[in-house]
N, C-alpha and C. Protein backbone atom coordinates (compact mmCIF):
# COMPACT_ATOMS: atom_id res chain seq x y z
N MET A 1 259.15 78.20 72.45
CA MET A 1 258.02 78.20 73.38
C MET A 1 256.79 78.78 72.69
N SER A 2 255.63 78.18 72.95
CA SER A 2 254.39 78.63 72.34
C SER A 2 254.10 80.08 72.72
N ARG A 3 253.59 80.82 71.75
CA ARG A 3 253.21 82.21 71.99
C ARG A 3 251.71 82.26 72.27
N ILE A 4 251.36 82.74 73.45
CA ILE A 4 249.95 82.74 73.88
C ILE A 4 249.52 84.17 74.17
N ALA A 5 248.49 84.61 73.48
CA ALA A 5 247.99 85.97 73.62
C ALA A 5 246.86 86.02 74.65
N ALA A 6 246.63 87.23 75.17
CA ALA A 6 245.47 87.49 76.03
C ALA A 6 244.56 88.46 75.31
N VAL A 7 243.28 88.17 75.32
CA VAL A 7 242.29 89.07 74.76
C VAL A 7 241.23 89.35 75.83
N ILE A 8 241.12 90.62 76.21
CA ILE A 8 240.11 91.02 77.18
C ILE A 8 238.89 91.50 76.40
N LEU A 9 237.76 90.87 76.64
CA LEU A 9 236.51 91.24 75.95
C LEU A 9 235.76 92.25 76.81
N ALA A 10 235.73 93.51 76.35
CA ALA A 10 235.15 94.59 77.17
C ALA A 10 234.33 95.56 76.33
N ALA A 11 233.64 95.04 75.32
CA ALA A 11 232.91 95.90 74.40
C ALA A 11 231.42 95.99 74.70
N GLY A 12 230.94 95.24 75.68
CA GLY A 12 229.50 95.13 75.91
C GLY A 12 228.81 96.45 76.26
N SER A 13 227.52 96.50 75.97
CA SER A 13 226.75 97.74 76.16
C SER A 13 226.11 97.85 77.53
N SER A 14 226.25 96.84 78.39
CA SER A 14 225.72 96.88 79.76
C SER A 14 224.24 97.22 79.78
N SER A 15 223.49 96.62 78.85
CA SER A 15 222.09 97.00 78.68
C SER A 15 221.25 96.74 79.92
N ARG A 16 221.54 95.67 80.64
CA ARG A 16 220.73 95.34 81.83
C ARG A 16 221.09 96.22 83.02
N LEU A 17 222.29 96.80 82.98
CA LEU A 17 222.74 97.60 84.11
C LEU A 17 222.38 99.07 83.96
N GLY A 18 222.36 99.54 82.71
CA GLY A 18 221.97 100.93 82.49
C GLY A 18 223.12 101.92 82.51
N GLU A 19 224.34 101.46 82.77
CA GLU A 19 225.54 102.29 82.73
C GLU A 19 226.72 101.38 82.42
N PRO A 20 227.83 101.96 81.92
CA PRO A 20 228.96 101.10 81.53
C PRO A 20 229.54 100.34 82.72
N LYS A 21 229.38 99.03 82.71
CA LYS A 21 229.87 98.23 83.84
C LYS A 21 231.39 98.25 83.91
N GLN A 22 232.03 98.50 82.77
CA GLN A 22 233.49 98.56 82.75
C GLN A 22 234.01 99.66 83.68
N LEU A 23 233.19 100.68 83.92
CA LEU A 23 233.63 101.85 84.67
C LEU A 23 233.04 101.93 86.08
N LEU A 24 232.30 100.93 86.48
CA LEU A 24 231.78 100.91 87.85
C LEU A 24 232.94 100.91 88.84
N ASP A 25 232.76 101.60 89.95
CA ASP A 25 233.82 101.68 90.95
C ASP A 25 233.93 100.39 91.75
N LEU A 26 235.17 99.95 91.92
CA LEU A 26 235.45 98.79 92.76
C LEU A 26 236.72 99.08 93.53
N GLY A 27 236.56 99.44 94.78
CA GLY A 27 237.71 99.76 95.61
C GLY A 27 238.50 100.96 95.14
N GLY A 28 237.81 101.93 94.53
CA GLY A 28 238.48 103.15 94.07
C GLY A 28 239.01 103.09 92.65
N GLU A 29 238.84 101.96 91.97
CA GLU A 29 239.28 101.81 90.58
C GLU A 29 238.12 101.26 89.76
N PRO A 30 238.08 101.58 88.46
CA PRO A 30 237.04 100.99 87.61
C PRO A 30 237.17 99.46 87.55
N VAL A 31 236.04 98.80 87.41
CA VAL A 31 236.01 97.34 87.32
C VAL A 31 237.02 96.82 86.29
N LEU A 32 237.03 97.44 85.11
CA LEU A 32 237.89 96.96 84.03
C LEU A 32 239.37 97.10 84.39
N ALA A 33 239.71 98.09 85.20
CA ALA A 33 241.11 98.27 85.60
C ALA A 33 241.61 97.07 86.39
N HIS A 34 240.74 96.45 87.18
CA HIS A 34 241.13 95.27 87.95
C HIS A 34 241.40 94.08 87.03
N THR A 35 240.55 93.92 86.02
CA THR A 35 240.77 92.83 85.05
C THR A 35 242.08 93.04 84.31
N LEU A 36 242.32 94.28 83.90
CA LEU A 36 243.58 94.60 83.21
C LEU A 36 244.78 94.30 84.09
N ALA A 37 244.69 94.67 85.36
CA ALA A 37 245.80 94.43 86.28
C ALA A 37 246.11 92.95 86.40
N ALA A 38 245.07 92.12 86.44
CA ALA A 38 245.27 90.68 86.54
C ALA A 38 245.99 90.16 85.30
N VAL A 39 245.60 90.63 84.12
CA VAL A 39 246.24 90.19 82.88
C VAL A 39 247.69 90.66 82.82
N ARG A 40 247.94 91.88 83.28
CA ARG A 40 249.31 92.41 83.26
C ARG A 40 250.25 91.59 84.16
N ARG A 41 249.70 90.95 85.17
CA ARG A 41 250.53 90.15 86.07
C ARG A 41 250.87 88.78 85.49
N THR A 42 250.34 88.45 84.33
CA THR A 42 250.59 87.15 83.72
C THR A 42 251.76 87.20 82.75
N SER A 43 252.12 86.03 82.25
CA SER A 43 253.21 85.92 81.28
C SER A 43 252.72 86.07 79.84
N LEU A 44 251.43 86.24 79.64
CA LEU A 44 250.87 86.24 78.29
C LEU A 44 251.29 87.47 77.49
N ALA A 45 251.55 87.25 76.21
CA ALA A 45 251.87 88.33 75.28
C ALA A 45 251.71 87.80 73.86
N PRO A 46 251.19 88.66 72.97
CA PRO A 46 250.73 90.03 73.16
C PRO A 46 249.41 90.09 73.92
N ARG A 47 249.03 91.32 74.30
CA ARG A 47 247.80 91.53 75.06
C ARG A 47 246.91 92.52 74.32
N TYR A 48 245.64 92.18 74.24
CA TYR A 48 244.68 93.01 73.52
C TYR A 48 243.45 93.25 74.40
N ILE A 49 242.75 94.37 74.11
CA ILE A 49 241.46 94.61 74.72
C ILE A 49 240.50 95.05 73.63
N VAL A 50 239.32 94.45 73.60
CA VAL A 50 238.30 94.80 72.61
C VAL A 50 237.30 95.73 73.28
N LEU A 51 237.18 96.94 72.72
CA LEU A 51 236.24 97.94 73.23
C LEU A 51 235.15 98.20 72.21
N GLY A 52 234.01 98.69 72.70
CA GLY A 52 232.89 99.04 71.84
C GLY A 52 232.09 100.14 72.50
N HIS A 53 231.12 99.74 73.33
CA HIS A 53 230.30 100.71 74.06
C HIS A 53 231.18 101.55 75.00
N ALA A 54 230.98 102.86 74.97
CA ALA A 54 231.70 103.80 75.85
C ALA A 54 233.21 103.71 75.68
N ALA A 55 233.66 103.38 74.47
CA ALA A 55 235.09 103.16 74.25
C ALA A 55 235.92 104.39 74.58
N GLU A 56 235.47 105.56 74.15
CA GLU A 56 236.26 106.77 74.38
C GLU A 56 236.35 107.10 75.87
N GLU A 57 235.25 106.94 76.58
CA GLU A 57 235.27 107.20 78.01
C GLU A 57 236.19 106.22 78.73
N ILE A 58 236.16 104.98 78.31
CA ILE A 58 237.04 103.97 78.91
C ILE A 58 238.50 104.33 78.68
N LYS A 59 238.83 104.75 77.46
CA LYS A 59 240.21 105.11 77.15
C LYS A 59 240.68 106.33 77.94
N GLN A 60 239.74 107.23 78.25
CA GLN A 60 240.09 108.42 79.03
C GLN A 60 240.31 108.09 80.51
N ARG A 61 239.57 107.12 81.01
CA ARG A 61 239.57 106.89 82.45
C ARG A 61 240.43 105.71 82.90
N ILE A 62 240.84 104.86 81.98
CA ILE A 62 241.60 103.66 82.35
C ILE A 62 242.93 103.63 81.59
N ASP A 63 244.00 103.34 82.30
CA ASP A 63 245.32 103.22 81.71
C ASP A 63 245.40 101.92 80.90
N LEU A 64 245.54 102.06 79.59
CA LEU A 64 245.61 100.89 78.71
C LEU A 64 247.03 100.65 78.21
N THR A 65 248.01 101.19 78.90
CA THR A 65 249.41 101.01 78.52
C THR A 65 249.77 99.53 78.44
N GLY A 66 250.45 99.17 77.36
CA GLY A 66 250.90 97.79 77.22
C GLY A 66 249.85 96.83 76.68
N VAL A 67 248.68 97.36 76.37
CA VAL A 67 247.59 96.53 75.84
C VAL A 67 247.11 97.18 74.55
N GLU A 68 247.09 96.41 73.48
CA GLU A 68 246.64 96.95 72.20
C GLU A 68 245.11 97.01 72.16
N THR A 69 244.59 98.17 71.80
CA THR A 69 243.14 98.36 71.77
C THR A 69 242.57 98.00 70.40
N ILE A 70 241.53 97.21 70.40
CA ILE A 70 240.79 96.87 69.19
C ILE A 70 239.38 97.41 69.35
N PHE A 71 238.90 98.18 68.39
CA PHE A 71 237.52 98.68 68.46
C PHE A 71 236.60 97.78 67.66
N ASN A 72 235.51 97.38 68.28
CA ASN A 72 234.51 96.54 67.62
C ASN A 72 233.29 97.38 67.29
N PRO A 73 233.14 97.80 66.04
CA PRO A 73 232.00 98.64 65.68
C PRO A 73 230.67 97.90 65.72
N ASP A 74 230.74 96.58 65.74
CA ASP A 74 229.52 95.76 65.70
C ASP A 74 229.20 95.17 67.08
N TYR A 75 229.65 95.84 68.15
CA TYR A 75 229.53 95.26 69.50
C TYR A 75 228.09 94.98 69.91
N ARG A 76 227.13 95.71 69.34
CA ARG A 76 225.72 95.49 69.73
C ARG A 76 225.21 94.11 69.33
N SER A 77 225.90 93.45 68.40
CA SER A 77 225.44 92.14 67.95
C SER A 77 225.90 91.01 68.88
N GLY A 78 226.67 91.35 69.90
CA GLY A 78 227.01 90.34 70.89
C GLY A 78 228.49 90.03 70.97
N GLN A 79 228.83 89.22 71.97
CA GLN A 79 230.22 88.93 72.30
C GLN A 79 230.97 88.25 71.16
N SER A 80 230.28 87.44 70.38
CA SER A 80 230.96 86.73 69.29
C SER A 80 231.61 87.70 68.31
N SER A 81 231.02 88.88 68.12
CA SER A 81 231.61 89.85 67.20
C SER A 81 232.94 90.37 67.73
N SER A 82 233.07 90.48 69.04
CA SER A 82 234.35 90.90 69.64
C SER A 82 235.40 89.81 69.49
N VAL A 83 234.97 88.57 69.62
CA VAL A 83 235.90 87.45 69.41
C VAL A 83 236.43 87.49 67.98
N ARG A 84 235.56 87.72 67.03
CA ARG A 84 235.97 87.73 65.62
C ARG A 84 236.96 88.85 65.32
N VAL A 85 236.69 90.07 65.80
CA VAL A 85 237.61 91.17 65.49
C VAL A 85 238.97 90.92 66.14
N ALA A 86 238.99 90.25 67.29
CA ALA A 86 240.26 89.92 67.92
C ALA A 86 241.02 88.89 67.10
N LEU A 87 240.33 87.86 66.65
CA LEU A 87 240.98 86.83 65.82
C LEU A 87 241.56 87.44 64.55
N ASP A 88 240.90 88.45 64.02
CA ASP A 88 241.36 89.08 62.77
C ASP A 88 242.71 89.78 62.92
N VAL A 89 243.04 90.23 64.13
CA VAL A 89 244.28 91.00 64.30
C VAL A 89 245.41 90.20 64.94
N LEU A 90 245.13 88.98 65.36
CA LEU A 90 246.18 88.20 66.02
C LEU A 90 247.31 87.89 65.04
N PRO A 91 248.55 88.09 65.46
CA PRO A 91 249.69 87.74 64.59
C PRO A 91 249.69 86.24 64.26
N SER A 92 250.26 85.91 63.12
CA SER A 92 250.23 84.51 62.66
C SER A 92 251.06 83.58 63.55
N ASP A 93 251.96 84.16 64.35
CA ASP A 93 252.78 83.29 65.20
C ASP A 93 252.19 83.07 66.59
N VAL A 94 250.97 83.56 66.81
CA VAL A 94 250.27 83.28 68.08
C VAL A 94 249.66 81.89 67.99
N ASP A 95 249.99 81.03 68.93
CA ASP A 95 249.55 79.64 68.91
C ASP A 95 248.22 79.41 69.60
N ALA A 96 247.89 80.30 70.56
CA ALA A 96 246.66 80.14 71.33
C ALA A 96 246.32 81.49 71.95
N VAL A 97 245.08 81.62 72.37
CA VAL A 97 244.65 82.86 73.01
C VAL A 97 243.79 82.54 74.23
N VAL A 98 244.01 83.30 75.29
CA VAL A 98 243.16 83.22 76.47
C VAL A 98 242.18 84.38 76.41
N PHE A 99 240.89 84.06 76.37
CA PHE A 99 239.86 85.09 76.35
C PHE A 99 239.43 85.38 77.79
N VAL A 100 239.61 86.63 78.20
CA VAL A 100 239.31 87.08 79.55
C VAL A 100 238.12 88.04 79.48
N LEU A 101 237.13 87.84 80.34
CA LEU A 101 235.95 88.71 80.34
C LEU A 101 236.25 89.96 81.14
N GLY A 102 236.02 91.12 80.50
CA GLY A 102 236.34 92.39 81.14
C GLY A 102 235.52 92.68 82.38
N ASP A 103 234.36 92.02 82.50
CA ASP A 103 233.49 92.28 83.66
C ASP A 103 233.66 91.22 84.74
N GLN A 104 234.84 90.58 84.75
CA GLN A 104 235.18 89.65 85.83
C GLN A 104 236.41 90.19 86.57
N PRO A 105 236.24 91.23 87.39
CA PRO A 105 237.38 91.89 88.03
C PRO A 105 238.10 91.04 89.06
N LEU A 106 237.49 89.93 89.50
CA LEU A 106 238.13 89.08 90.50
C LEU A 106 238.84 87.89 89.88
N VAL A 107 239.04 87.92 88.56
CA VAL A 107 239.78 86.85 87.90
C VAL A 107 241.20 86.81 88.45
N GLU A 108 241.74 85.62 88.59
CA GLU A 108 243.06 85.42 89.19
C GLU A 108 244.13 85.28 88.10
N SER A 109 245.18 86.09 88.21
CA SER A 109 246.29 85.98 87.26
C SER A 109 246.94 84.60 87.33
N THR A 110 246.94 84.01 88.52
CA THR A 110 247.50 82.66 88.69
C THR A 110 246.78 81.66 87.81
N VAL A 111 245.46 81.77 87.73
CA VAL A 111 244.68 80.85 86.91
C VAL A 111 244.99 81.05 85.43
N ILE A 112 245.12 82.31 85.01
CA ILE A 112 245.44 82.59 83.61
C ILE A 112 246.78 81.96 83.25
N ASP A 113 247.77 82.13 84.11
CA ASP A 113 249.08 81.53 83.84
C ASP A 113 249.02 80.00 83.84
N ARG A 114 248.17 79.43 84.66
CA ARG A 114 248.03 77.97 84.65
C ARG A 114 247.49 77.46 83.32
N LEU A 115 246.59 78.22 82.72
CA LEU A 115 246.07 77.83 81.41
C LEU A 115 247.20 77.79 80.38
N ALA A 116 248.05 78.82 80.41
CA ALA A 116 249.17 78.88 79.47
C ALA A 116 250.14 77.73 79.70
N SER A 117 250.45 77.48 80.96
CA SER A 117 251.38 76.38 81.28
C SER A 117 250.81 75.04 80.85
N ALA A 118 249.52 74.85 81.05
CA ALA A 118 248.88 73.60 80.65
C ALA A 118 248.90 73.42 79.14
N TYR A 119 248.71 74.52 78.40
CA TYR A 119 248.76 74.41 76.95
C TYR A 119 250.15 73.98 76.49
N ARG A 120 251.17 74.57 77.09
CA ARG A 120 252.54 74.23 76.69
C ARG A 120 252.88 72.77 77.03
N ALA A 121 252.24 72.25 78.07
CA ALA A 121 252.51 70.87 78.47
C ALA A 121 251.65 69.86 77.73
N GLU A 122 250.38 70.23 77.46
CA GLU A 122 249.41 69.27 76.94
C GLU A 122 249.05 69.48 75.48
N ASN A 123 249.21 70.73 74.99
CA ASN A 123 248.86 71.08 73.61
C ASN A 123 247.41 70.74 73.29
N ALA A 124 246.53 70.89 74.28
CA ALA A 124 245.10 70.62 74.06
C ALA A 124 244.46 71.79 73.31
N PRO A 125 243.39 71.53 72.52
CA PRO A 125 242.77 72.60 71.75
C PRO A 125 241.98 73.60 72.59
N ILE A 126 241.47 73.15 73.73
CA ILE A 126 240.71 74.00 74.64
C ILE A 126 241.17 73.70 76.06
N ILE A 127 241.46 74.75 76.81
CA ILE A 127 241.86 74.57 78.20
C ILE A 127 241.01 75.50 79.06
N GLN A 128 240.45 74.92 80.13
CA GLN A 128 239.48 75.65 80.96
C GLN A 128 239.80 75.40 82.44
N PRO A 129 239.65 76.42 83.27
CA PRO A 129 239.86 76.20 84.70
C PRO A 129 238.68 75.50 85.36
N ASN A 130 238.98 74.66 86.32
CA ASN A 130 237.95 73.99 87.11
C ASN A 130 238.02 74.52 88.54
N TYR A 131 237.08 75.42 88.87
CA TYR A 131 237.04 76.04 90.19
C TYR A 131 236.32 75.15 91.17
N ARG A 132 236.27 75.57 92.42
CA ARG A 132 235.59 74.74 93.43
C ARG A 132 234.10 74.59 93.10
N GLU A 133 233.54 75.55 92.33
CA GLU A 133 232.13 75.43 91.93
C GLU A 133 231.97 74.75 90.57
N GLY A 134 233.08 74.43 89.92
CA GLY A 134 233.02 73.80 88.60
C GLY A 134 233.75 74.62 87.55
N ARG A 135 233.52 74.30 86.29
CA ARG A 135 234.20 74.96 85.18
C ARG A 135 233.83 76.43 85.09
N GLY A 136 234.76 77.23 84.54
CA GLY A 136 234.48 78.66 84.40
C GLY A 136 235.44 79.32 83.43
N ASN A 137 235.46 80.64 83.49
CA ASN A 137 236.34 81.45 82.65
C ASN A 137 237.57 81.87 83.45
N PRO A 138 238.62 82.31 82.75
CA PRO A 138 238.79 82.46 81.30
C PRO A 138 239.07 81.12 80.61
N VAL A 139 239.05 81.14 79.28
CA VAL A 139 239.23 79.91 78.50
C VAL A 139 240.32 80.14 77.46
N LEU A 140 241.17 79.12 77.29
CA LEU A 140 242.20 79.16 76.25
C LEU A 140 241.72 78.37 75.04
N ILE A 141 241.87 78.99 73.87
CA ILE A 141 241.53 78.34 72.60
C ILE A 141 242.79 78.30 71.73
N ALA A 142 243.13 77.12 71.22
CA ALA A 142 244.30 76.97 70.36
C ALA A 142 243.98 77.34 68.92
N ARG A 143 245.02 77.67 68.18
CA ARG A 143 244.85 78.13 66.79
C ARG A 143 244.08 77.12 65.93
N ALA A 144 244.21 75.85 66.22
CA ALA A 144 243.51 74.83 65.42
C ALA A 144 242.00 75.06 65.38
N LEU A 145 241.47 75.78 66.38
CA LEU A 145 240.02 76.03 66.45
C LEU A 145 239.66 77.47 66.12
N PHE A 146 240.62 78.29 65.72
CA PHE A 146 240.31 79.70 65.44
C PHE A 146 239.25 79.85 64.34
N SER A 147 239.40 79.08 63.26
CA SER A 147 238.44 79.24 62.15
C SER A 147 237.04 78.83 62.58
N GLU A 148 236.95 77.80 63.40
CA GLU A 148 235.64 77.37 63.90
C GLU A 148 235.08 78.40 64.87
N LEU A 149 235.94 78.96 65.71
CA LEU A 149 235.49 79.98 66.65
C LEU A 149 234.97 81.21 65.91
N ALA A 150 235.56 81.54 64.79
CA ALA A 150 235.15 82.72 64.02
C ALA A 150 233.76 82.56 63.41
N GLN A 151 233.23 81.34 63.39
CA GLN A 151 231.90 81.10 62.83
C GLN A 151 230.79 81.26 63.87
N VAL A 152 231.16 81.44 65.14
CA VAL A 152 230.15 81.58 66.19
C VAL A 152 229.44 82.92 66.05
N ASN A 153 228.14 82.94 66.27
CA ASN A 153 227.35 84.17 66.18
C ASN A 153 226.57 84.40 67.46
N GLY A 154 226.10 85.65 67.61
CA GLY A 154 225.25 85.98 68.75
C GLY A 154 226.04 86.41 69.98
N ASP A 155 225.33 86.51 71.09
CA ASP A 155 225.93 87.02 72.32
C ASP A 155 226.55 85.88 73.12
N THR A 156 227.55 85.28 72.55
CA THR A 156 228.28 84.20 73.21
C THR A 156 229.71 84.21 72.71
N GLY A 157 230.62 83.62 73.48
CA GLY A 157 232.01 83.54 73.07
C GLY A 157 232.34 82.14 72.61
N ALA A 158 233.14 81.45 73.40
CA ALA A 158 233.60 80.12 73.01
C ALA A 158 232.67 79.00 73.48
N ARG A 159 231.56 79.34 74.13
CA ARG A 159 230.71 78.30 74.71
C ARG A 159 230.29 77.22 73.71
N PRO A 160 229.88 77.57 72.49
CA PRO A 160 229.51 76.51 71.54
C PRO A 160 230.65 75.53 71.26
N LEU A 161 231.90 76.03 71.24
CA LEU A 161 233.03 75.13 71.02
C LEU A 161 233.24 74.22 72.21
N LEU A 162 233.07 74.76 73.41
CA LEU A 162 233.23 73.94 74.60
C LEU A 162 232.21 72.81 74.64
N GLN A 163 231.01 73.10 74.15
CA GLN A 163 229.97 72.07 74.12
C GLN A 163 230.25 71.06 73.02
N ARG A 164 230.67 71.55 71.87
CA ARG A 164 230.90 70.68 70.71
C ARG A 164 232.12 69.78 70.91
N HIS A 165 233.13 70.31 71.60
CA HIS A 165 234.38 69.57 71.80
C HIS A 165 234.60 69.23 73.27
N ARG A 166 233.53 68.94 73.94
CA ARG A 166 233.60 68.73 75.39
C ARG A 166 234.65 67.68 75.78
N ASP A 167 234.76 66.64 75.00
CA ASP A 167 235.70 65.57 75.33
C ASP A 167 237.16 65.97 75.12
N ALA A 168 237.38 67.08 74.39
CA ALA A 168 238.74 67.53 74.11
C ALA A 168 239.20 68.63 75.06
N VAL A 169 238.31 69.06 75.96
CA VAL A 169 238.66 70.14 76.89
C VAL A 169 239.57 69.60 77.99
N PHE A 170 240.71 70.27 78.17
CA PHE A 170 241.62 69.92 79.26
C PHE A 170 241.33 70.84 80.43
N LEU A 171 241.04 70.26 81.58
CA LEU A 171 240.69 71.04 82.76
C LEU A 171 241.93 71.27 83.64
N VAL A 172 242.09 72.51 84.06
CA VAL A 172 243.17 72.91 84.95
C VAL A 172 242.61 73.08 86.35
N ASP A 173 243.29 72.51 87.32
CA ASP A 173 242.82 72.59 88.69
C ASP A 173 242.95 74.02 89.23
N ALA A 174 241.82 74.60 89.62
CA ALA A 174 241.79 75.92 90.25
C ALA A 174 240.84 75.88 91.44
N THR A 175 240.77 74.71 92.07
CA THR A 175 239.76 74.50 93.10
C THR A 175 240.04 75.26 94.39
N GLU A 176 241.22 75.88 94.50
CA GLU A 176 241.43 76.72 95.68
C GLU A 176 240.81 78.11 95.50
N PHE A 177 240.30 78.38 94.29
CA PHE A 177 239.69 79.68 94.00
C PHE A 177 238.18 79.53 93.76
N GLU A 178 237.44 80.59 94.08
CA GLU A 178 236.03 80.65 93.69
C GLU A 178 235.95 81.06 92.22
N ARG A 179 234.95 80.53 91.54
CA ARG A 179 234.74 80.90 90.14
C ARG A 179 234.37 82.38 90.06
N PRO A 180 235.09 83.18 89.25
CA PRO A 180 234.81 84.62 89.20
C PRO A 180 233.45 84.91 88.57
N ASP A 181 232.71 85.79 89.22
CA ASP A 181 231.42 86.23 88.69
C ASP A 181 231.63 87.33 87.67
N ASP A 182 230.67 87.45 86.74
CA ASP A 182 230.66 88.62 85.88
C ASP A 182 229.52 89.54 86.31
N ILE A 183 229.50 90.73 85.74
CA ILE A 183 228.54 91.76 86.17
C ILE A 183 227.53 92.00 85.06
N ASP A 184 226.32 91.58 85.30
CA ASP A 184 225.22 91.85 84.36
C ASP A 184 224.14 92.72 85.00
N THR A 185 223.99 92.60 86.31
CA THR A 185 222.91 93.30 87.01
C THR A 185 223.47 94.03 88.23
N ARG A 186 222.65 94.88 88.82
CA ARG A 186 223.05 95.58 90.04
C ARG A 186 223.33 94.60 91.17
N GLU A 187 222.59 93.49 91.20
CA GLU A 187 222.81 92.47 92.22
C GLU A 187 224.19 91.82 92.05
N ASP A 188 224.60 91.58 90.80
CA ASP A 188 225.93 91.04 90.52
C ASP A 188 227.00 92.00 91.05
N TYR A 189 226.82 93.27 90.76
CA TYR A 189 227.78 94.30 91.20
C TYR A 189 227.89 94.33 92.71
N ASP A 190 226.76 94.29 93.39
CA ASP A 190 226.77 94.30 94.86
C ASP A 190 227.50 93.08 95.40
N ARG A 191 227.27 91.92 94.78
CA ARG A 191 227.91 90.68 95.23
C ARG A 191 229.43 90.75 95.03
N ILE A 192 229.86 91.31 93.90
CA ILE A 192 231.29 91.42 93.63
C ILE A 192 231.95 92.43 94.57
N GLN A 193 231.24 93.49 94.89
CA GLN A 193 231.79 94.45 95.86
C GLN A 193 232.03 93.78 97.21
N ARG A 194 231.10 92.93 97.63
CA ARG A 194 231.27 92.23 98.91
C ARG A 194 232.46 91.26 98.83
N ALA A 195 232.57 90.55 97.72
CA ALA A 195 233.67 89.60 97.57
C ALA A 195 235.02 90.33 97.50
N PHE A 196 235.04 91.49 96.85
CA PHE A 196 236.27 92.26 96.73
C PHE A 196 236.75 92.75 98.09
N SER A 197 235.79 93.08 98.95
CA SER A 197 236.16 93.66 100.24
C SER A 197 236.89 92.65 101.14
N VAL A 198 236.74 91.35 100.85
CA VAL A 198 237.41 90.33 101.67
C VAL A 198 238.48 89.58 100.90
N LYS A 199 238.72 89.95 99.63
CA LYS A 199 239.70 89.26 98.80
C LYS A 199 241.11 89.66 99.21
N PRO A 200 242.00 88.71 99.42
CA PRO A 200 243.40 89.04 99.72
C PRO A 200 244.01 89.83 98.56
N ARG A 201 244.79 90.83 98.87
CA ARG A 201 245.41 91.66 97.84
C ARG A 201 246.68 91.02 97.31
N ALA A 202 246.82 91.07 95.96
CA ALA A 202 248.00 90.49 95.32
C ALA A 202 249.22 91.36 95.59
């Protein structure tokens, strides 16, 4: 069976927010703890988290048991640097990786597992969920594209690959779910708090 890793990207500096968004309170737990919980409920292994800004505070306040921590010293240069440091440590027997955004606390573990199941069935190079609002995160990238993904620069993840290989993207039906928002601004945080307050508990 294909070995599919999870990588949580959580190194951002939260420059627009003014405080570490990973540690914002959401229902009594830090935002990042919710993302971690969703990944822990999946079948993916191994599991990694990339930290950068406020890394020590995050490690003190959030239980990272069962998830290997990768520190990205170059996190200020953008998300692509976190993708690269993760690719550098992936074992050679990992066939694909699902990149999960640490600031999307409402991500569904069901959707993550669907990406893995679709890869095992379809062996597509890129697999993406299709929510009721359209395509979104997280995204699965197969090893065949790792070297190309490592060439991406700036504050972006796999988006250039999705654009370049649009015809090769396999879409997984997730239309019963809303596309998870990420947190960049105070308005984003307020919106996610409202959505969390009505979200059914797993």
